[in-house]
């Protein structure tokens, strides 16, 4: 009896842990994709296309 309860409890914890990790991973990847961290944007300060040459 005691062993069955421990087995059920352990299985429930393992399933909950996996589900929580997947949710955190999803939102982490979504935030990372939407961030600009580490992306270098080239500056075009010297190019001015509005003025005629």
PDB file of N, CA and C in Angstrom:
ATOM      1  N   UNK A   1       0.815  -1.200   0.000  1.00  0.00           N
ATOM      2  CA  UNK A   1       0.000   0.000   0.000  1.00  0.00           C
ATOM      3  C   UNK A   1       0.861   1.267   0.000  1.00  0.00           C
ATOM      4  N   UNK A   2       1.804   1.312   0.910  1.00  0.00           N
ATOM      5  CA  UNK A   2       2.666   2.483   1.040  1.00  0.00           C
ATOM      6  C   UNK A   2       3.500   2.675  -0.223  1.00  0.00           C
ATOM      7  N   UNK A   3       3.950   1.568  -0.807  1.00  0.00           N
ATOM      8  CA  UNK A   3       4.782   1.627  -2.010  1.00  0.00           C
ATOM      9  C   UNK A   3       3.979   2.173  -3.194  1.00  0.00           C
ATOM     10  N   UNK A   4       2.711   1.805  -3.286  1.00  0.00           N
ATOM     11  CA  UNK A   4       1.862   2.292  -4.385  1.00  0.00           C
ATOM     12  C   UNK A   4       1.648   3.797  -4.285  1.00  0.00           C
ATOM     13  N   UNK A   5       1.423   4.298  -3.089  1.00  0.00           N
ATOM     14  CA  UNK A   5       1.242   5.743  -2.902  1.00  0.00           C
ATOM     15  C   UNK A   5       2.506   6.503  -3.271  1.00  0.00           C
ATOM     16  N   UNK A   6       3.648   5.966  -2.881  1.00  0.00           N
ATOM     17  CA  UNK A   6       4.911   6.624  -3.219  1.00  0.00           C
ATOM     18  C   UNK A   6       5.147   6.600  -4.729  1.00  0.00           C
ATOM     19  N   UNK A   7       4.784   5.500  -5.360  1.00  0.00           N
ATOM     20  CA  UNK A   7       4.952   5.377  -6.799  1.00  0.00           C
ATOM     21  C   UNK A   7       4.038   6.368  -7.531  1.00  0.00           C
ATOM     22  N   UNK A   8       2.804   6.477  -7.092  1.00  0.00           N
ATOM     23  CA  UNK A   8       1.869   7.432  -7.697  1.00  0.00           C
ATOM     24  C   UNK A   8       2.335   8.871  -7.487  1.00  0.00           C
ATOM     25  N   UNK A   9       2.799   9.152  -6.284  1.00  0.00           N
ATOM     26  CA  UNK A   9       3.279  10.499  -5.976  1.00  0.00           C
ATOM     27  C   UNK A   9       4.507  10.837  -6.816  1.00  0.00           C
ATOM     28  N   UNK A  10       5.438   9.904  -6.917  1.00  0.00           N
ATOM     29  CA  UNK A  10       6.638  10.112  -7.718  1.00  0.00           C
ATOM     30  C   UNK A  10       6.323  10.291  -9.196  1.00  0.00           C
ATOM     31  N   UNK A  11       5.387   9.515  -9.696  1.00  0.00           N
ATOM     32  CA  UNK A  11       4.974   9.630 -11.099  1.00  0.00           C
ATOM     33  C   UNK A  11       4.308  10.979 -11.346  1.00  0.00           C
ATOM     34  N   UNK A  12       3.469  11.406 -10.434  1.00  0.00           N
ATOM     35  CA  UNK A  12       2.818  12.711 -10.567  1.00  0.00           C
ATOM     36  C   UNK A  12       3.812  13.857 -10.558  1.00  0.00           C
ATOM     37  N   UNK A  13       4.797  13.762  -9.693  1.00  0.00           N
ATOM     38  CA  UNK A  13       5.825  14.800  -9.623  1.00  0.00           C
ATOM     39  C   UNK A  13       6.642  14.829 -10.917  1.00  0.00           C
ATOM     40  N   UNK A  14       6.989  13.661 -11.444  1.00  0.00           N
ATOM     41  CA  UNK A  14       7.773  13.586 -12.679  1.00  0.00           C
ATOM     42  C   UNK A  14       6.999  14.171 -13.859  1.00  0.00           C
ATOM     43  N   UNK A  15       5.723  13.879 -13.952  1.00  0.00           N
ATOM     44  CA  UNK A  15       4.899  14.409 -15.041  1.00  0.00           C
ATOM     45  C   UNK A  15       4.752  15.920 -14.901  1.00  0.00           C
ATOM     46  N   UNK A  16       4.482  16.384 -13.681  1.00  0.00           N
ATOM     47  CA  UNK A  16       4.338  17.831 -13.458  1.00  0.00           C
ATOM     48  C   UNK A  16       5.642  18.554 -13.766  1.00  0.00           C
ATOM     49  N   UNK A  17       6.769  17.982 -13.378  1.00  0.00           N
ATOM     50  CA  UNK A  17       8.065  18.605 -13.642  1.00  0.00           C
ATOM     51  C   UNK A  17       8.302  18.737 -15.144  1.00  0.00           C
ATOM     52  N   UNK A  18       8.009  17.701 -15.892  1.00  0.00           N
ATOM     53  CA  UNK A  18       8.199  17.748 -17.342  1.00  0.00           C
ATOM     54  C   UNK A  18       7.302  18.805 -17.985  1.00  0.00           C
ATOM     55  N   UNK A  19       6.051  18.860 -17.552  1.00  0.00           N
ATOM     56  CA  UNK A  19       5.120  19.838 -18.113  1.00  0.00           C
ATOM     57  C   UNK A  19       5.564  21.266 -17.796  1.00  0.00           C
ATOM     58  N   UNK A  20       5.981  21.500 -16.563  1.00  0.00           N
ATOM     59  CA  UNK A  20       6.428  22.839 -16.164  1.00  0.00           C
ATOM     60  C   UNK A  20       7.676  23.236 -16.941  1.00  0.00           C
ATOM     61  N   UNK A  21       8.602  22.318 -17.130  1.00  0.00           N
ATOM     62  CA  UNK A  21       9.814  22.612 -17.889  1.00  0.00           C
ATOM     63  C   UNK A  21       9.484  22.976 -19.335  1.00  0.00           C
ATOM     64  N   UNK A  22       8.534  22.263 -19.939  1.00  0.00           N
ATOM     65  CA  UNK A  22       8.148  22.568 -21.319  1.00  0.00           C
ATOM     66  C   UNK A  22       7.528  23.950 -21.434  1.00  0.00           C
ATOM     67  N   UNK A  23       6.707  24.330 -20.471  1.00  0.00           N
ATOM     68  CA  UNK A  23       6.082  25.652 -20.487  1.00  0.00           C
ATOM     69  C   UNK A  23       7.137  26.741 -20.332  1.00  0.00           C
ATOM     70  N   UNK A  24       8.040  26.578 -19.377  1.00  0.00           N
ATOM     71  CA  UNK A  24       9.110  27.558 -19.190  1.00  0.00           C
ATOM     72  C   UNK A  24      10.000  27.647 -20.423  1.00  0.00           C
ATOM     73  N   UNK A  25      10.316  26.516 -21.033  1.00  0.00           N
ATOM     74  CA  UNK A  25      11.161  26.506 -22.223  1.00  0.00           C
ATOM     75  C   UNK A  25      10.472  27.245 -23.369  1.00  0.00           C
ATOM     76  N   UNK A  26       9.177  27.019 -23.548  1.00  0.00           N
ATOM     77  CA  UNK A  26       8.421  27.689 -24.612  1.00  0.00           C
ATOM     78  C   UNK A  26       8.496  29.208 -24.453  1.00  0.00           C
ATOM     79  N   UNK A  27       8.202  29.698 -23.253  1.00  0.00           N
ATOM     80  CA  UNK A  27       8.213  31.143 -23.039  1.00  0.00           C
ATOM     81  C   UNK A  27       9.630  31.716 -23.080  1.00  0.00           C
ATOM     82  N   UNK A  28      10.608  30.949 -22.633  1.00  0.00           N
ATOM     83  CA  UNK A  28      12.000  31.396 -22.704  1.00  0.00           C
ATOM     84  C   UNK A  28      12.409  31.574 -24.161  1.00  0.00           C
ATOM     85  N   UNK A  29      12.120  30.609 -25.006  1.00  0.00           N
ATOM     86  CA  UNK A  29      12.482  30.694 -26.425  1.00  0.00           C
ATOM     87  C   UNK A  29      11.717  31.816 -27.121  1.00  0.00           C
ATOM     88  N   UNK A  30      10.482  32.000 -26.743  1.00  0.00           N
ATOM     89  CA  UNK A  30       9.677  33.077 -27.335  1.00  0.00           C
ATOM     90  C   UNK A  30      10.255  34.447 -26.992  1.00  0.00           C
ATOM     91  N   UNK A  31      10.632  34.629 -25.730  1.00  0.00           N
ATOM     92  CA  UNK A  31      11.244  35.893 -25.312  1.00  0.00           C
ATOM     93  C   UNK A  31      12.603  36.091 -25.971  1.00  0.00           C
ATOM     94  N   UNK A  32      13.377  35.031 -26.071  1.00  0.00           N
ATOM     95  CA  UNK A  32      14.706  35.128 -26.674  1.00  0.00           C
ATOM     96  C   UNK A  32      14.605  35.521 -28.144  1.00  0.00           C
ATOM     97  N   UNK A  33      13.629  34.941 -28.845  1.00  0.00           N
ATOM     98  CA  UNK A  33      13.422  35.260 -30.261  1.00  0.00           C
ATOM     99  C   UNK A  33      13.036  36.726 -30.438  1.00  0.00           C
ATOM    100  N   UNK A  34      12.257  37.256 -29.524  1.00  0.00           N
ATOM    101  CA  UNK A  34      11.787  38.637 -29.627  1.00  0.00           C
ATOM    102  C   UNK A  34      12.799  39.661 -29.118  1.00  0.00           C
ATOM    103  N   UNK A  35      13.866  39.220 -28.486  1.00  0.00           N
ATOM    104  CA  UNK A  35      14.867  40.163 -27.985  1.00  0.00           C
ATOM    105  C   UNK A  35      15.892  40.455 -29.075  1.00  0.00           C
ATOM    106  N   UNK A  36      16.613  41.533 -28.909  1.00  0.00           N
ATOM    107  CA  UNK A  36      17.673  41.895 -29.844  1.00  0.00           C
ATOM    108  C   UNK A  36      19.047  41.674 -29.232  1.00  0.00           C
ATOM    109  N   UNK A  37      19.130  40.877 -28.207  1.00  0.00           N
ATOM    110  CA  UNK A  37      20.381  40.660 -27.507  1.00  0.00           C
ATOM    111  C   UNK A  37      21.404  39.998 -28.426  1.00  0.00           C
ATOM    112  N   UNK A  38      22.562  40.627 -28.544  1.00  0.00           N
ATOM    113  CA  UNK A  38      23.647  40.060 -29.330  1.00  0.00           C
ATOM    114  C   UNK A  38      23.566  40.314 -30.822  1.00  0.00           C
ATOM    115  N   UNK A  39      22.561  41.048 -31.278  1.00  0.00           N
ATOM    116  CA  UNK A  39      22.406  41.332 -32.695  1.00  0.00           C
ATOM    117  C   UNK A  39      22.981  42.708 -32.978  1.00  0.00           C
ATOM    118  N   UNK A  40      23.930  42.760 -33.885  1.00  0.00           N
ATOM    119  CA  UNK A  40      24.537  44.030 -34.250  1.00  0.00           C
ATOM    120  C   UNK A  40      23.889  44.533 -35.532  1.00  0.00           C
ATOM    121  N   UNK A  41      23.339  45.730 -35.456  1.00  0.00           N
ATOM    122  CA  UNK A  41      22.691  46.349 -36.606  1.00  0.00           C
ATOM    123  C   UNK A  41      23.698  47.313 -37.235  1.00  0.00           C
ATOM    124  N   UNK A  42      23.955  47.165 -38.542  1.00  0.00           N
ATOM    125  CA  UNK A  42      24.915  48.072 -39.177  1.00  0.00           C
ATOM    126  C   UNK A  42      24.365  49.499 -39.218  1.00  0.00           C
ATOM    127  N   UNK A  43      25.251  50.444 -38.945  1.00  0.00           N
ATOM    128  CA  UNK A  43      24.865  51.847 -38.964  1.00  0.00           C
ATOM    129  C   UNK A  43      25.166  52.422 -40.343  1.00  0.00           C
ATOM    130  N   UNK A  44      24.238  53.154 -40.887  1.00  0.00           N
ATOM    131  CA  UNK A  44      24.402  53.785 -42.192  1.00  0.00           C
ATOM    132  C   UNK A  44      24.408  55.295 -42.022  1.00  0.00           C
ATOM    133  N   UNK A  45      25.241  55.761 -41.092  1.00  0.00           N
ATOM    134  CA  UNK A  45      25.296  57.198 -40.809  1.00  0.00           C
ATOM    135  C   UNK A  45      25.861  57.997 -41.976  1.00  0.00           C
ATOM    136  N   UNK A  46      26.800  57.424 -42.697  1.00  0.00           N
ATOM    137  CA  UNK A  46      27.473  58.159 -43.754  1.00  0.00           C
ATOM    138  C   UNK A  46      26.688  58.174 -45.060  1.00  0.00           C
ATOM    139  N   UNK A  47      25.695  57.334 -45.168  1.00  0.00           N
ATOM    140  CA  UNK A  47      24.895  57.271 -46.389  1.00  0.00           C
ATOM    141  C   UNK A  47      23.634  58.111 -46.173  1.00  0.00           C
ATOM    142  N   UNK A  48      23.471  59.135 -47.000  1.00  0.00           N
ATOM    143  CA  UNK A  48      22.304  59.989 -46.907  1.00  0.00           C
ATOM    144  C   UNK A  48      21.667  60.023 -48.307  1.00  0.00           C
ATOM    145  N   UNK A  49      20.535  59.366 -48.450  1.00  0.00           N
ATOM    146  CA  UNK A  49      19.919  59.243 -49.772  1.00  0.00           C
ATOM    147  C   UNK A  49      18.925  60.370 -50.045  1.00  0.00           C
ATOM    148  N   UNK A  50      18.633  61.221 -49.058  1.00  0.00           N
ATOM    149  CA  UNK A  50      17.649  62.277 -49.262  1.00  0.00           C
ATOM    150  C   UNK A  50      18.215  63.471 -50.043  1.00  0.00           C
ATOM    151  N   UNK A  51      19.487  63.727 -49.915  1.00  0.00           N
ATOM    152  CA  UNK A  51      20.103  64.885 -50.572  1.00  0.00           C
ATOM    153  C   UNK A  51      20.653  64.480 -51.939  1.00  0.00           C
ATOM    154  N   UNK A  52      20.401  65.294 -52.961  1.00  0.00           N
ATOM    155  CA  UNK A  52      20.981  64.986 -54.284  1.00  0.00           C
ATOM    156  C   UNK A  52      22.472  65.256 -54.289  1.00  0.00           C
ATOM    157  N   UNK A  53      23.179  64.545 -55.124  1.00  0.00           N
ATOM    158  CA  UNK A  53      24.633  64.693 -55.209  1.00  0.00           C
ATOM    159  C   UNK A  53      25.032  65.790 -56.159  1.00  0.00           C
TER     160      UNK A  53
END
